[in-house]
């Protein structure tokens, strides 16, 4: 098989997944991209996961904010879109701490309802691909979402359509080269399973982004 990103032919079996019919992740020896092959059915992917863990979402929100706040517009009001907002705590944090018009997208109806009724957020409970907006966004953010995306190119194309000319696209995703992954393998809780299709490392993301033609901003904590 070929790597879906760099088209390299040398891939190695990485570790076993929880997919019923596609038990293994593979890793490209050239660029490091990790992927399930063959890809599971889209309908199966959409049924996986439970996004209603409000406490976990609330705790993660502060971690997300500490990582990205320096990349948010510092002057003037801006439009902010969170894709995969779960129960909405990060969107609410942005709304409270920034001069921003915040819109959230969350496919899980229970989580979207929680964010809308408990946190008074504007939430669209629909697939990202179906979302429409007459106005562009200055910031599009997704935390631990792109690794679950069925078609990563379709996802980036949608982001490109919604992003303003000088907008910022921010993704947070697990690191395939994390020391915990190297040391613990599938005993590490961060190892993706079930509803995860892509597992990235820095080098592979650089290839991915440059092929797409977008400039990169180095990020250091």
C-alpha atoms as a PDB file:
ATOM      1  CA  UNK A   1       0.000   0.000   0.000  1.00  0.00           C
ATOM      2  CA  UNK A   2       1.006   3.652  -0.438  1.00  0.00           C
ATOM      3  CA  UNK A   3       1.089   6.318   2.265  1.00  0.00           C
ATOM      4  CA  UNK A   4      -1.958   8.601   1.751  1.00  0.00           C
ATOM      5  CA  UNK A   5       0.207  11.689   2.422  1.00  0.00           C
ATOM      6  CA  UNK A   6       3.666  11.290   0.847  1.00  0.00           C
ATOM      7  CA  UNK A   7       2.811   8.242  -1.333  1.00  0.00           C
ATOM      8  CA  UNK A   8       5.761   6.319   0.073  1.00  0.00           C
ATOM      9  CA  UNK A   9       5.573   2.559  -0.404  1.00  0.00           C
ATOM     10  CA  UNK A  10       7.253   1.421   2.819  1.00  0.00           C
ATOM     11  CA  UNK A  11       4.798   1.202   5.713  1.00  0.00           C
ATOM     12  CA  UNK A  12       4.946  -0.746   8.967  1.00  0.00           C
ATOM     13  CA  UNK A  13       2.210  -2.206  11.109  1.00  0.00           C
ATOM     14  CA  UNK A  14       1.967   0.113  14.125  1.00  0.00           C
ATOM     15  CA  UNK A  15      -0.544  -1.248  16.652  1.00  0.00           C
ATOM     16  CA  UNK A  16      -3.944  -2.866  16.919  1.00  0.00           C
ATOM     17  CA  UNK A  17      -7.064  -0.674  16.880  1.00  0.00           C
ATOM     18  CA  UNK A  18     -10.582  -1.258  18.161  1.00  0.00           C
ATOM     19  CA  UNK A  19     -12.194  -1.167  14.729  1.00  0.00           C
ATOM     20  CA  UNK A  20     -14.164  -4.332  14.137  1.00  0.00           C
ATOM     21  CA  UNK A  21     -13.002  -5.029  10.574  1.00  0.00           C
ATOM     22  CA  UNK A  22      -9.776  -2.989  10.320  1.00  0.00           C
ATOM     23  CA  UNK A  23      -7.640  -4.093  13.257  1.00  0.00           C
ATOM     24  CA  UNK A  24      -4.372  -2.239  12.590  1.00  0.00           C
ATOM     25  CA  UNK A  25      -2.846   1.200  12.327  1.00  0.00           C
ATOM     26  CA  UNK A  26       0.014   1.469   9.833  1.00  0.00           C
ATOM     27  CA  UNK A  27       2.899   3.938   9.939  1.00  0.00           C
ATOM     28  CA  UNK A  28       4.726   5.338   6.919  1.00  0.00           C
ATOM     29  CA  UNK A  29       8.467   4.756   7.283  1.00  0.00           C
ATOM     30  CA  UNK A  30       9.221   7.864   5.219  1.00  0.00           C
ATOM     31  CA  UNK A  31       7.045  10.623   6.687  1.00  0.00           C
ATOM     32  CA  UNK A  32       5.696   9.025   9.872  1.00  0.00           C
ATOM     33  CA  UNK A  33       1.985   9.340   9.069  1.00  0.00           C
ATOM     34  CA  UNK A  34      -0.155   6.799  10.946  1.00  0.00           C
ATOM     35  CA  UNK A  35      -3.425   5.615   9.454  1.00  0.00           C
ATOM     36  CA  UNK A  36      -6.052   2.875   9.539  1.00  0.00           C
ATOM     37  CA  UNK A  37      -6.178   0.827   6.351  1.00  0.00           C
ATOM     38  CA  UNK A  38      -8.482  -0.052   4.740  1.00  0.00           C
ATOM     39  CA  UNK A  39     -10.584   2.884   5.945  1.00  0.00           C
ATOM     40  CA  UNK A  40     -13.714   1.900   7.912  1.00  0.00           C
ATOM     41  CA  UNK A  41     -17.142   2.903   6.687  1.00  0.00           C
ATOM     42  CA  UNK A  42     -18.054   6.542   7.357  1.00  0.00           C
ATOM     43  CA  UNK A  43     -21.294   5.476   9.070  1.00  0.00           C
ATOM     44  CA  UNK A  44     -19.299   3.414  11.575  1.00  0.00           C
ATOM     45  CA  UNK A  45     -17.047   6.357  12.383  1.00  0.00           C
ATOM     46  CA  UNK A  46     -19.961   8.691  13.008  1.00  0.00           C
ATOM     47  CA  UNK A  47     -21.438   6.294  15.566  1.00  0.00           C
ATOM     48  CA  UNK A  48     -18.310   6.098  17.711  1.00  0.00           C
ATOM     49  CA  UNK A  49     -17.404   8.115  20.770  1.00  0.00           C
ATOM     50  CA  UNK A  50     -19.382   9.908  23.447  1.00  0.00           C
ATOM     51  CA  UNK A  51     -18.890  13.656  23.542  1.00  0.00           C
ATOM     52  CA  UNK A  52     -20.986  14.246  26.658  1.00  0.00           C
ATOM     53  CA  UNK A  53     -18.218  14.161  29.265  1.00  0.00           C
ATOM     54  CA  UNK A  54     -18.651  17.754  30.431  1.00  0.00           C
ATOM     55  CA  UNK A  55     -16.083  17.594  33.218  1.00  0.00           C
ATOM     56  CA  UNK A  56     -13.301  16.386  30.931  1.00  0.00           C
ATOM     57  CA  UNK A  57     -14.170  19.083  28.400  1.00  0.00           C
ATOM     58  CA  UNK A  58     -14.072  21.776  31.075  1.00  0.00           C
ATOM     59  CA  UNK A  59     -10.638  20.688  32.337  1.00  0.00           C
ATOM     60  CA  UNK A  60      -9.181  20.449  28.832  1.00  0.00           C
ATOM     61  CA  UNK A  61     -10.461  23.919  27.956  1.00  0.00           C
ATOM     62  CA  UNK A  62      -7.887  25.669  30.126  1.00  0.00           C
ATOM     63  CA  UNK A  63      -5.105  23.551  28.638  1.00  0.00           C
ATOM     64  CA  UNK A  64      -6.276  24.454  25.134  1.00  0.00           C
ATOM     65  CA  UNK A  65      -6.415  28.133  26.019  1.00  0.00           C
ATOM     66  CA  UNK A  66      -2.883  28.146  27.442  1.00  0.00           C
ATOM     67  CA  UNK A  67      -1.607  26.706  24.155  1.00  0.00           C
ATOM     68  CA  UNK A  68      -3.358  28.981  21.681  1.00  0.00           C
ATOM     69  CA  UNK A  69      -4.141  32.317  23.333  1.00  0.00           C
ATOM     70  CA  UNK A  70      -1.000  33.986  21.922  1.00  0.00           C
ATOM     71  CA  UNK A  71      -2.230  33.228  18.399  1.00  0.00           C
ATOM     72  CA  UNK A  72      -5.623  34.879  18.842  1.00  0.00           C
ATOM     73  CA  UNK A  73      -6.233  38.442  17.575  1.00  0.00           C
ATOM     74  CA  UNK A  74      -5.156  40.868  20.287  1.00  0.00           C
ATOM     75  CA  UNK A  75      -6.985  43.954  19.009  1.00  0.00           C
ATOM     76  CA  UNK A  76     -10.572  44.388  17.876  1.00  0.00           C
ATOM     77  CA  UNK A  77     -13.491  42.019  17.807  1.00  0.00           C
ATOM     78  CA  UNK A  78     -13.078  38.793  15.860  1.00  0.00           C
ATOM     79  CA  UNK A  79     -15.177  35.834  14.738  1.00  0.00           C
ATOM     80  CA  UNK A  80     -14.237  32.479  16.270  1.00  0.00           C
ATOM     81  CA  UNK A  81     -15.436  29.049  15.128  1.00  0.00           C
ATOM     82  CA  UNK A  82     -14.818  25.891  17.149  1.00  0.00           C
ATOM     83  CA  UNK A  83     -15.284  22.654  15.242  1.00  0.00           C
ATOM     84  CA  UNK A  84     -16.025  19.716  17.514  1.00  0.00           C
ATOM     85  CA  UNK A  85     -16.910  21.811  20.557  1.00  0.00           C
ATOM     86  CA  UNK A  86     -18.188  18.907  22.674  1.00  0.00           C
ATOM     87  CA  UNK A  87     -20.019  20.380  25.677  1.00  0.00           C
ATOM     88  CA  UNK A  88     -18.801  23.865  24.819  1.00  0.00           C
ATOM     89  CA  UNK A  89     -16.516  24.829  27.677  1.00  0.00           C
ATOM     90  CA  UNK A  90     -13.670  25.992  25.464  1.00  0.00           C
ATOM     91  CA  UNK A  91     -15.996  28.081  23.295  1.00  0.00           C
ATOM     92  CA  UNK A  92     -17.399  29.601  26.472  1.00  0.00           C
ATOM     93  CA  UNK A  93     -13.884  30.359  27.718  1.00  0.00           C
ATOM     94  CA  UNK A  94     -13.106  32.207  24.482  1.00  0.00           C
ATOM     95  CA  UNK A  95     -16.382  34.107  24.720  1.00  0.00           C
ATOM     96  CA  UNK A  96     -15.664  35.154  28.317  1.00  0.00           C
ATOM     97  CA  UNK A  97     -11.997  36.093  27.920  1.00  0.00           C
ATOM     98  CA  UNK A  98     -11.883  37.552  24.398  1.00  0.00           C
ATOM     99  CA  UNK A  99     -13.761  40.152  22.398  1.00  0.00           C
ATOM    100  CA  UNK A 100     -15.124  37.501  20.073  1.00  0.00           C
ATOM    101  CA  UNK A 101     -18.299  36.375  18.373  1.00  0.00           C
ATOM    102  CA  UNK A 102     -18.203  32.644  19.042  1.00  0.00           C
ATOM    103  CA  UNK A 103     -19.959  29.931  17.051  1.00  0.00           C
ATOM    104  CA  UNK A 104     -19.634  26.221  17.824  1.00  0.00           C
ATOM    105  CA  UNK A 105     -20.227  23.065  15.804  1.00  0.00           C
ATOM    106  CA  UNK A 106     -20.828  19.729  17.528  1.00  0.00           C
ATOM    107  CA  UNK A 107     -22.321  16.646  15.885  1.00  0.00           C
ATOM    108  CA  UNK A 108     -23.231  14.946  19.157  1.00  0.00           C
ATOM    109  CA  UNK A 109     -26.751  16.179  19.869  1.00  0.00           C
ATOM    110  CA  UNK A 110     -26.509  15.659  23.641  1.00  0.00           C
ATOM    111  CA  UNK A 111     -23.270  17.613  23.895  1.00  0.00           C
ATOM    112  CA  UNK A 112     -24.580  20.371  21.614  1.00  0.00           C
ATOM    113  CA  UNK A 113     -27.751  20.660  23.692  1.00  0.00           C
ATOM    114  CA  UNK A 114     -25.656  20.925  26.863  1.00  0.00           C
ATOM    115  CA  UNK A 115     -23.528  23.715  25.372  1.00  0.00           C
ATOM    116  CA  UNK A 116     -26.579  25.586  24.148  1.00  0.00           C
ATOM    117  CA  UNK A 117     -28.775  25.300  27.245  1.00  0.00           C
ATOM    118  CA  UNK A 118     -26.199  25.275  30.059  1.00  0.00           C
ATOM    119  CA  UNK A 119     -23.616  27.664  28.609  1.00  0.00           C
ATOM    120  CA  UNK A 120     -25.873  29.791  26.385  1.00  0.00           C
ATOM    121  CA  UNK A 121     -23.715  29.263  23.295  1.00  0.00           C
ATOM    122  CA  UNK A 122     -24.619  29.415  19.612  1.00  0.00           C
ATOM    123  CA  UNK A 123     -24.230  25.782  18.577  1.00  0.00           C
ATOM    124  CA  UNK A 124     -24.912  23.973  15.309  1.00  0.00           C
ATOM    125  CA  UNK A 125     -25.577  20.267  15.871  1.00  0.00           C
ATOM    126  CA  UNK A 126     -24.613  19.130  12.397  1.00  0.00           C
ATOM    127  CA  UNK A 127     -21.636  17.758  10.452  1.00  0.00           C
ATOM    128  CA  UNK A 128     -18.962  20.333   9.725  1.00  0.00           C
ATOM    129  CA  UNK A 129     -19.324  19.599   6.012  1.00  0.00           C
ATOM    130  CA  UNK A 130     -22.955  20.779   6.136  1.00  0.00           C
ATOM    131  CA  UNK A 131     -22.266  24.036   7.975  1.00  0.00           C
ATOM    132  CA  UNK A 132     -22.830  27.299   6.081  1.00  0.00           C
ATOM    133  CA  UNK A 133     -22.007  30.889   7.015  1.00  0.00           C
ATOM    134  CA  UNK A 134     -22.444  34.166   5.137  1.00  0.00           C
ATOM    135  CA  UNK A 135     -19.452  35.631   6.971  1.00  0.00           C
ATOM    136  CA  UNK A 136     -15.926  34.268   7.233  1.00  0.00           C
ATOM    137  CA  UNK A 137     -14.101  33.545  10.498  1.00  0.00           C
ATOM    138  CA  UNK A 138     -10.895  35.080  11.792  1.00  0.00           C
ATOM    139  CA  UNK A 139     -10.041  31.972  13.822  1.00  0.00           C
ATOM    140  CA  UNK A 140     -11.070  28.357  13.252  1.00  0.00           C
ATOM    141  CA  UNK A 141     -10.078  25.995  16.047  1.00  0.00           C
ATOM    142  CA  UNK A 142     -10.450  22.277  16.648  1.00  0.00           C
ATOM    143  CA  UNK A 143      -8.987  20.415  19.600  1.00  0.00           C
ATOM    144  CA  UNK A 144      -8.389  16.692  19.119  1.00  0.00           C
ATOM    145  CA  UNK A 145     -10.701  16.558  16.113  1.00  0.00           C
ATOM    146  CA  UNK A 146      -8.615  16.159  12.965  1.00  0.00           C
ATOM    147  CA  UNK A 147      -7.413  12.717  14.058  1.00  0.00           C
ATOM    148  CA  UNK A 148     -11.056  11.584  13.932  1.00  0.00           C
ATOM    149  CA  UNK A 149     -11.829  13.126  10.529  1.00  0.00           C
ATOM    150  CA  UNK A 150     -12.821  10.643   7.847  1.00  0.00           C
ATOM    151  CA  UNK A 151     -11.590  12.773   4.924  1.00  0.00           C
ATOM    152  CA  UNK A 152      -8.870  15.161   6.098  1.00  0.00           C
ATOM    153  CA  UNK A 153      -8.627  16.929   2.710  1.00  0.00           C
ATOM    154  CA  UNK A 154     -12.349  17.610   2.599  1.00  0.00           C
ATOM    155  CA  UNK A 155     -12.052  18.943   6.134  1.00  0.00           C
ATOM    156  CA  UNK A 156      -9.227  21.353   5.227  1.00  0.00           C
ATOM    157  CA  UNK A 157     -11.085  22.477   2.121  1.00  0.00           C
ATOM    158  CA  UNK A 158     -14.077  23.378   4.261  1.00  0.00           C
ATOM    159  CA  UNK A 159     -11.850  25.293   6.689  1.00  0.00           C
ATOM    160  CA  UNK A 160     -10.320  27.181   3.779  1.00  0.00           C
ATOM    161  CA  UNK A 161     -13.764  28.190   2.506  1.00  0.00           C
ATOM    162  CA  UNK A 162     -14.776  29.577   5.919  1.00  0.00           C
ATOM    163  CA  UNK A 163     -11.517  31.271   6.922  1.00  0.00           C
ATOM    164  CA  UNK A 164     -10.963  34.992   6.349  1.00  0.00           C
ATOM    165  CA  UNK A 165      -8.072  36.165   4.159  1.00  0.00           C
ATOM    166  CA  UNK A 166      -5.774  36.758   7.135  1.00  0.00           C
ATOM    167  CA  UNK A 167      -7.432  34.191   9.372  1.00  0.00           C
ATOM    168  CA  UNK A 168      -5.728  31.614  11.583  1.00  0.00           C
ATOM    169  CA  UNK A 169      -6.459  27.886  11.555  1.00  0.00           C
ATOM    170  CA  UNK A 170      -5.451  26.106  14.775  1.00  0.00           C
ATOM    171  CA  UNK A 171      -5.454  22.333  15.288  1.00  0.00           C
ATOM    172  CA  UNK A 172      -4.452  20.455  18.425  1.00  0.00           C
ATOM    173  CA  UNK A 173      -3.853  16.746  17.899  1.00  0.00           C
ATOM    174  CA  UNK A 174      -2.084  13.861  19.697  1.00  0.00           C
ATOM    175  CA  UNK A 175       1.587  13.429  18.850  1.00  0.00           C
ATOM    176  CA  UNK A 176       2.630  10.100  17.346  1.00  0.00           C
ATOM    177  CA  UNK A 177       6.149  10.756  18.651  1.00  0.00           C
ATOM    178  CA  UNK A 178       5.117  11.530  22.226  1.00  0.00           C
ATOM    179  CA  UNK A 179       7.427   9.888  24.763  1.00  0.00           C
ATOM    180  CA  UNK A 180       4.447   8.166  26.388  1.00  0.00           C
ATOM    181  CA  UNK A 181       3.562   6.534  23.080  1.00  0.00           C
ATOM    182  CA  UNK A 182       7.157   5.396  22.587  1.00  0.00           C
ATOM    183  CA  UNK A 183       7.428   3.997  26.128  1.00  0.00           C
ATOM    184  CA  UNK A 184       3.946   2.624  26.758  1.00  0.00           C
ATOM    185  CA  UNK A 185       2.475   1.925  23.313  1.00  0.00           C
ATOM    186  CA  UNK A 186      -1.155   0.825  23.627  1.00  0.00           C
ATOM    187  CA  UNK A 187      -1.063   1.135  27.431  1.00  0.00           C
ATOM    188  CA  UNK A 188      -0.972   4.932  27.048  1.00  0.00           C
ATOM    189  CA  UNK A 189      -4.430   6.454  27.388  1.00  0.00           C
ATOM    190  CA  UNK A 190      -3.658   8.927  24.606  1.00  0.00           C
ATOM    191  CA  UNK A 191      -3.309   6.227  21.982  1.00  0.00           C
ATOM    192  CA  UNK A 192      -6.233   6.748  19.603  1.00  0.00           C
ATOM    193  CA  UNK A 193      -8.655   3.935  18.938  1.00  0.00           C
ATOM    194  CA  UNK A 194     -12.257   3.266  17.911  1.00  0.00           C
ATOM    195  CA  UNK A 195     -13.105   6.502  16.125  1.00  0.00           C
ATOM    196  CA  UNK A 196      -9.589   7.636  15.162  1.00  0.00           C
ATOM    197  CA  UNK A 197      -8.361   7.568  11.544  1.00  0.00           C
ATOM    198  CA  UNK A 198      -5.193   9.695  11.619  1.00  0.00           C
ATOM    199  CA  UNK A 199      -2.313   9.832  14.075  1.00  0.00           C
ATOM    200  CA  UNK A 200       0.188  12.595  13.305  1.00  0.00           C
ATOM    201  CA  UNK A 201       3.765  13.557  14.064  1.00  0.00           C
ATOM    202  CA  UNK A 202       5.388  16.957  13.452  1.00  0.00           C
ATOM    203  CA  UNK A 203       7.287  16.043  10.285  1.00  0.00           C
ATOM    204  CA  UNK A 204       4.219  14.557   8.620  1.00  0.00           C
ATOM    205  CA  UNK A 205       2.090  17.598   9.491  1.00  0.00           C
ATOM    206  CA  UNK A 206       4.680  19.861   7.857  1.00  0.00           C
ATOM    207  CA  UNK A 207       4.363  17.857   4.636  1.00  0.00           C
ATOM    208  CA  UNK A 208       0.582  17.882   4.886  1.00  0.00           C
ATOM    209  CA  UNK A 209       0.348  21.656   5.384  1.00  0.00           C
ATOM    210  CA  UNK A 210       2.948  22.580   2.760  1.00  0.00           C
ATOM    211  CA  UNK A 211       1.247  20.398   0.175  1.00  0.00           C
ATOM    212  CA  UNK A 212      -1.924  22.312   0.958  1.00  0.00           C
ATOM    213  CA  UNK A 213      -0.095  25.604   0.390  1.00  0.00           C
ATOM    214  CA  UNK A 214      -0.694  27.223   3.788  1.00  0.00           C
ATOM    215  CA  UNK A 215       2.027  29.086   5.729  1.00  0.00           C
ATOM    216  CA  UNK A 216       2.985  27.645   9.117  1.00  0.00           C
ATOM    217  CA  UNK A 217       3.495  29.515  12.377  1.00  0.00           C
ATOM    218  CA  UNK A 218       5.967  27.814  14.779  1.00  0.00           C
ATOM    219  CA  UNK A 219       4.358  27.149  18.161  1.00  0.00           C
ATOM    220  CA  UNK A 220       6.319  26.711  21.367  1.00  0.00           C
ATOM    221  CA  UNK A 221       5.010  26.605  24.921  1.00  0.00           C
END
